[in-house]
């Protein structure tokens, strides 16, 4: 759900919870990537109020990522390339 919310261009807060193991879940790598390109921050429960206030006050002008459109274009491009290869 984080990916969908972030791709909309809206401000997103990822709430960190206590870890049950020492391993870092794979989703955290995804979160890190998303935070580079979208208005997404991660915080724990203790800092939630401060984080929300900071986000509300911050003027972030971001457009939607349009990741579905990007993926669709890539699929079309691959399909066209495959047809060219088959035609040869």
N, C-alpha and C. Protein backbone atom coordinates (compact mmCIF):
# COMPACT_ATOMS: atom_id res chain seq x y z
N UNK A 1 0.82 -1.19 0.00
CA UNK A 1 0.00 0.00 0.00
C UNK A 1 0.87 1.26 0.00
N UNK A 2 2.07 1.15 0.50
CA UNK A 2 2.98 2.30 0.51
C UNK A 2 3.28 2.72 -0.92
N UNK A 3 3.53 1.76 -1.78
CA UNK A 3 3.85 2.07 -3.18
C UNK A 3 2.70 2.81 -3.86
N UNK A 4 1.48 2.35 -3.65
CA UNK A 4 0.32 2.98 -4.28
C UNK A 4 0.14 4.40 -3.76
N UNK A 5 0.27 4.59 -2.46
CA UNK A 5 0.11 5.92 -1.88
C UNK A 5 1.21 6.85 -2.37
N UNK A 6 2.43 6.38 -2.41
CA UNK A 6 3.55 7.22 -2.84
C UNK A 6 3.44 7.58 -4.32
N UNK A 7 2.97 6.67 -5.14
CA UNK A 7 2.87 6.96 -6.57
C UNK A 7 1.81 8.01 -6.87
N UNK A 8 0.92 8.26 -5.93
CA UNK A 8 -0.11 9.28 -6.13
C UNK A 8 0.45 10.69 -6.00
N UNK A 9 1.65 10.81 -5.43
CA UNK A 9 2.25 12.12 -5.24
C UNK A 9 1.89 12.76 -3.91
N UNK A 10 1.08 12.09 -3.11
CA UNK A 10 0.67 12.62 -1.80
C UNK A 10 1.76 12.35 -0.77
N UNK A 11 1.73 13.12 0.31
CA UNK A 11 2.66 12.91 1.41
C UNK A 11 2.30 11.60 2.11
N UNK A 12 3.32 10.81 2.43
CA UNK A 12 3.09 9.50 3.04
C UNK A 12 4.03 9.33 4.23
N UNK A 13 3.49 8.76 5.30
CA UNK A 13 4.30 8.42 6.47
C UNK A 13 4.27 6.91 6.64
N UNK A 14 5.46 6.32 6.72
CA UNK A 14 5.58 4.89 7.00
C UNK A 14 5.86 4.77 8.49
N UNK A 15 4.99 4.10 9.19
CA UNK A 15 5.13 3.94 10.63
C UNK A 15 5.96 2.69 10.93
N UNK A 16 7.10 2.89 11.53
CA UNK A 16 7.98 1.77 11.89
C UNK A 16 7.45 1.10 13.15
N UNK A 17 7.52 -0.20 13.18
CA UNK A 17 7.11 -0.96 14.36
C UNK A 17 8.31 -1.76 14.87
N UNK A 18 8.19 -2.23 16.10
CA UNK A 18 9.28 -3.01 16.68
C UNK A 18 9.57 -4.24 15.84
N UNK A 19 10.85 -4.52 15.69
CA UNK A 19 11.26 -5.69 14.92
C UNK A 19 11.17 -6.94 15.79
N UNK A 20 10.74 -8.03 15.16
CA UNK A 20 10.69 -9.30 15.87
C UNK A 20 11.95 -10.12 15.62
N UNK A 21 12.70 -9.73 14.58
CA UNK A 21 13.94 -10.44 14.28
C UNK A 21 15.03 -9.41 13.98
N UNK A 22 16.23 -9.89 13.86
CA UNK A 22 17.36 -9.01 13.58
C UNK A 22 17.52 -8.74 12.08
N UNK A 23 16.85 -9.53 11.26
CA UNK A 23 16.94 -9.34 9.82
C UNK A 23 16.13 -8.11 9.40
N UNK A 24 16.59 -7.44 8.37
CA UNK A 24 15.85 -6.31 7.82
C UNK A 24 14.93 -6.86 6.73
N UNK A 25 13.61 -6.64 6.86
CA UNK A 25 12.69 -7.15 5.85
C UNK A 25 12.99 -6.56 4.47
N UNK A 26 12.72 -7.33 3.43
CA UNK A 26 12.97 -6.89 2.06
C UNK A 26 12.21 -5.61 1.73
N UNK A 27 11.05 -5.42 2.33
CA UNK A 27 10.25 -4.24 2.02
C UNK A 27 10.96 -2.94 2.40
N UNK A 28 11.90 -3.01 3.33
CA UNK A 28 12.61 -1.80 3.74
C UNK A 28 13.49 -1.26 2.62
N UNK A 29 14.02 -2.15 1.78
CA UNK A 29 14.78 -1.68 0.61
C UNK A 29 13.86 -0.95 -0.34
N UNK A 30 12.64 -1.45 -0.48
CA UNK A 30 11.65 -0.79 -1.33
C UNK A 30 11.31 0.57 -0.76
N UNK A 31 11.09 0.64 0.54
CA UNK A 31 10.78 1.92 1.19
C UNK A 31 11.89 2.94 0.96
N UNK A 32 13.14 2.50 1.09
CA UNK A 32 14.27 3.39 0.89
C UNK A 32 14.27 3.95 -0.53
N UNK A 33 14.00 3.11 -1.50
CA UNK A 33 13.95 3.56 -2.90
C UNK A 33 12.81 4.56 -3.11
N UNK A 34 11.68 4.28 -2.53
CA UNK A 34 10.52 5.16 -2.68
C UNK A 34 10.80 6.52 -2.05
N UNK A 35 11.46 6.52 -0.90
CA UNK A 35 11.73 7.77 -0.20
C UNK A 35 12.66 8.69 -0.99
N UNK A 36 13.41 8.14 -1.93
CA UNK A 36 14.29 8.97 -2.76
C UNK A 36 13.52 9.77 -3.80
N UNK A 37 12.38 9.26 -4.24
CA UNK A 37 11.68 9.89 -5.37
C UNK A 37 10.29 10.42 -5.04
N UNK A 38 9.82 10.18 -3.84
CA UNK A 38 8.46 10.60 -3.48
C UNK A 38 8.47 11.24 -2.09
N UNK A 39 7.45 12.04 -1.79
CA UNK A 39 7.38 12.68 -0.47
C UNK A 39 6.95 11.68 0.61
N UNK A 40 7.86 10.77 0.93
CA UNK A 40 7.60 9.71 1.90
C UNK A 40 8.65 9.79 3.01
N UNK A 41 8.20 9.70 4.25
CA UNK A 41 9.11 9.67 5.40
C UNK A 41 8.75 8.47 6.26
N UNK A 42 9.73 8.02 7.01
CA UNK A 42 9.52 6.89 7.91
C UNK A 42 9.84 7.34 9.32
N UNK A 43 9.00 6.96 10.28
CA UNK A 43 9.24 7.34 11.67
C UNK A 43 8.66 6.27 12.60
N UNK A 44 9.02 6.37 13.87
CA UNK A 44 8.46 5.45 14.86
C UNK A 44 7.30 6.14 15.58
N UNK A 45 6.64 5.42 16.44
CA UNK A 45 5.45 5.92 17.12
C UNK A 45 5.77 7.16 17.96
N UNK A 46 6.93 7.16 18.61
CA UNK A 46 7.30 8.28 19.48
C UNK A 46 7.44 9.59 18.70
N UNK A 47 7.85 9.53 17.45
CA UNK A 47 8.07 10.74 16.65
C UNK A 47 6.94 11.02 15.67
N UNK A 48 5.85 10.27 15.76
CA UNK A 48 4.77 10.40 14.80
C UNK A 48 4.15 11.80 14.79
N UNK A 49 3.84 12.36 15.95
CA UNK A 49 3.20 13.68 16.02
C UNK A 49 4.09 14.75 15.41
N UNK A 50 5.38 14.74 15.75
CA UNK A 50 6.32 15.72 15.19
C UNK A 50 6.46 15.56 13.68
N UNK A 51 6.51 14.32 13.23
CA UNK A 51 6.65 14.05 11.79
C UNK A 51 5.43 14.54 11.03
N UNK A 52 4.25 14.27 11.56
CA UNK A 52 3.02 14.73 10.89
C UNK A 52 2.95 16.25 10.83
N UNK A 53 3.30 16.92 11.92
CA UNK A 53 3.30 18.38 11.92
C UNK A 53 4.29 18.94 10.90
N UNK A 54 5.47 18.33 10.84
CA UNK A 54 6.49 18.78 9.89
C UNK A 54 6.00 18.60 8.45
N UNK A 55 5.36 17.48 8.17
CA UNK A 55 4.85 17.22 6.82
C UNK A 55 3.72 18.17 6.44
N UNK A 56 2.85 18.45 7.38
CA UNK A 56 1.73 19.34 7.11
C UNK A 56 2.24 20.75 6.79
N UNK A 57 3.25 21.17 7.51
CA UNK A 57 3.80 22.52 7.30
C UNK A 57 4.65 22.63 6.05
N UNK A 58 5.23 21.52 5.62
CA UNK A 58 6.14 21.52 4.48
C UNK A 58 5.37 21.60 3.18
N UNK A 59 5.77 22.52 2.33
CA UNK A 59 5.11 22.67 1.03
C UNK A 59 5.87 21.82 0.01
N UNK A 60 5.30 20.71 -0.33
CA UNK A 60 5.93 19.78 -1.27
C UNK A 60 5.12 19.78 -2.56
N UNK A 61 5.76 20.15 -3.62
CA UNK A 61 5.11 20.15 -4.93
C UNK A 61 5.67 18.99 -5.74
N UNK A 62 5.00 17.89 -5.70
CA UNK A 62 5.44 16.72 -6.45
C UNK A 62 4.29 16.24 -7.31
N UNK A 63 4.64 15.78 -8.47
CA UNK A 63 3.63 15.19 -9.34
C UNK A 63 3.56 13.70 -9.05
N UNK A 64 2.49 13.11 -9.46
CA UNK A 64 2.35 11.66 -9.32
C UNK A 64 3.47 10.99 -10.10
N UNK A 65 3.92 9.85 -9.63
CA UNK A 65 5.04 9.15 -10.27
C UNK A 65 4.67 8.56 -11.63
N UNK A 66 3.41 8.29 -11.84
CA UNK A 66 2.93 7.69 -13.09
C UNK A 66 3.71 6.40 -13.40
N UNK A 67 3.92 5.63 -12.37
CA UNK A 67 4.69 4.40 -12.55
C UNK A 67 3.96 3.36 -13.39
N UNK A 68 2.65 3.33 -13.35
CA UNK A 68 1.91 2.40 -14.19
C UNK A 68 2.08 2.77 -15.66
N UNK A 69 2.06 4.06 -15.94
CA UNK A 69 2.26 4.53 -17.32
C UNK A 69 3.67 4.18 -17.80
N UNK A 70 4.65 4.38 -16.95
CA UNK A 70 6.03 4.05 -17.29
C UNK A 70 6.18 2.55 -17.56
N UNK A 71 5.56 1.74 -16.73
CA UNK A 71 5.63 0.29 -16.91
C UNK A 71 4.94 -0.13 -18.21
N UNK A 72 3.80 0.47 -18.51
CA UNK A 72 3.08 0.14 -19.74
C UNK A 72 3.92 0.48 -20.97
N UNK A 73 4.56 1.64 -20.95
CA UNK A 73 5.42 2.03 -22.08
C UNK A 73 6.59 1.06 -22.25
N UNK A 74 7.17 0.63 -21.15
CA UNK A 74 8.27 -0.32 -21.21
C UNK A 74 7.82 -1.65 -21.80
N UNK A 75 6.64 -2.10 -21.43
CA UNK A 75 6.10 -3.36 -21.97
C UNK A 75 5.87 -3.23 -23.47
N UNK A 76 5.33 -2.12 -23.89
CA UNK A 76 5.09 -1.89 -25.32
C UNK A 76 6.41 -1.88 -26.07
N UNK A 77 7.42 -1.22 -25.50
CA UNK A 77 8.73 -1.14 -26.15
C UNK A 77 9.36 -2.53 -26.29
N UNK A 78 9.26 -3.35 -25.25
CA UNK A 78 9.79 -4.71 -25.31
C UNK A 78 9.04 -5.51 -26.36
N UNK A 79 7.73 -5.35 -26.42
CA UNK A 79 6.93 -6.08 -27.40
C UNK A 79 7.32 -5.70 -28.82
N UNK A 80 7.54 -4.42 -29.06
CA UNK A 80 7.95 -3.95 -30.40
C UNK A 80 9.32 -4.53 -30.75
N UNK A 81 10.25 -4.53 -29.80
CA UNK A 81 11.58 -5.09 -30.04
C UNK A 81 11.52 -6.57 -30.36
N UNK A 82 10.67 -7.30 -29.63
CA UNK A 82 10.52 -8.73 -29.89
C UNK A 82 9.98 -8.98 -31.29
N UNK A 83 9.03 -8.19 -31.71
CA UNK A 83 8.46 -8.36 -33.06
C UNK A 83 9.53 -8.09 -34.11
N UNK A 84 10.38 -7.10 -33.90
CA UNK A 84 11.45 -6.80 -34.85
C UNK A 84 12.43 -7.95 -34.94
N UNK A 85 12.75 -8.54 -33.79
CA UNK A 85 13.69 -9.66 -33.76
C UNK A 85 13.10 -10.86 -34.47
N UNK A 86 11.83 -11.13 -34.24
CA UNK A 86 11.16 -12.27 -34.88
C UNK A 86 11.08 -12.05 -36.38
N UNK A 87 10.86 -10.81 -36.81
CA UNK A 87 10.73 -10.51 -38.23
C UNK A 87 12.05 -10.67 -38.98
N UNK A 88 13.17 -10.61 -38.28
CA UNK A 88 14.46 -10.73 -38.94
C UNK A 88 14.69 -12.15 -39.24
